[in-house]
Amino acid sequence: MGIIRSGFNFLAGTVAGVYIAQNYNVPNVKKLVNTAIFFSKHIEGTYRKPKNDRDDDS
C-alpha cells in the first residue's frame, strides 16, 4: 500500500504543478536564486575586511 499511496501523491503533485505553471504567472525560481547569490557576493565583497599580510604567516 505504501508504494501506491506515495505514487499517487507524486502523480497528484505533478499534475497540480503542471496546471499551476500553465495557468498562472509563476516566477522563475532559478533566476531569483541566481540574483540572490550575485547580490550576496557583491555585499560580501563590499563589506569584507581587507586581508592583512601578517595573517598569511600563521
Protein backbone atom coordinates (compact mmCIF):
# COMPACT_ATOMS: atom_id res chain seq x y z
CA MET A 1 0.00 0.00 0.00
CA GLY A 2 2.90 2.39 0.65
CA ILE A 3 4.05 2.42 -2.97
CA ILE A 4 0.56 3.12 -4.28
CA ARG A 5 -0.04 5.94 -1.78
CA SER A 6 3.35 7.60 -2.43
CA GLY A 7 2.93 7.13 -6.19
CA PHE A 8 -0.49 8.77 -6.05
CA ASN A 9 0.89 11.70 -4.03
CA PHE A 10 3.73 12.16 -6.54
CA LEU A 11 1.35 11.99 -9.51
CA ALA A 12 -1.15 14.40 -7.92
CA GLY A 13 1.64 16.86 -7.11
CA THR A 14 3.00 16.66 -10.65
CA VAL A 15 -0.42 17.26 -12.20
CA ALA A 16 -1.10 20.18 -9.85
CA GLY A 17 2.33 21.68 -10.62
CA VAL A 18 1.80 21.44 -14.37
CA TYR A 19 -1.65 23.01 -14.08
CA ILE A 20 -0.36 25.90 -11.95
CA ALA A 21 2.65 26.51 -14.23
CA GLN A 22 0.43 26.66 -17.33
CA ASN A 23 -2.37 28.81 -15.93
CA TYR A 24 -0.68 31.23 -13.53
CA ASN A 25 2.27 33.62 -13.73
CA VAL A 26 4.83 31.65 -11.68
CA PRO A 27 8.21 33.37 -11.11
CA ASN A 28 11.40 31.75 -12.36
CA VAL A 29 12.90 30.40 -9.14
CA LYS A 30 16.31 29.66 -10.68
CA LYS A 31 16.65 33.29 -11.81
CA LEU A 32 15.66 34.54 -8.35
CA VAL A 33 18.24 32.29 -6.66
CA ASN A 34 21.00 33.37 -9.05
CA THR A 35 20.15 37.03 -8.41
CA ALA A 36 20.25 36.47 -4.63
CA ILE A 37 23.64 34.72 -4.86
CA PHE A 38 25.08 37.50 -7.02
CA PHE A 39 23.76 40.16 -4.63
CA SER A 40 25.15 38.35 -1.56
CA LYS A 41 28.59 38.02 -3.21
CA HIS A 42 28.53 41.72 -4.03
CA ILE A 43 27.63 42.64 -0.44
CA GLU A 44 30.29 40.29 0.94
CA GLY A 45 32.97 41.76 -1.33
CA THR A 46 31.98 45.30 -0.43
CA TYR A 47 31.97 44.89 3.35
CA ARG A 48 34.72 42.28 3.86
CA LYS A 49 37.65 43.34 6.00
CA PRO A 50 40.84 43.80 3.97
CA LYS A 51 43.37 40.98 4.31
CA ASN A 52 46.45 41.55 6.43
CA ASP A 53 49.83 40.35 5.19
CA ARG A 54 50.67 39.16 8.69
CA ASP A 55 47.66 36.78 8.75
CA ASP A 56 49.13 34.67 5.92
CA ASP A 57 52.20 33.67 8.01
CA SER A 58 50.20 31.64 10.57
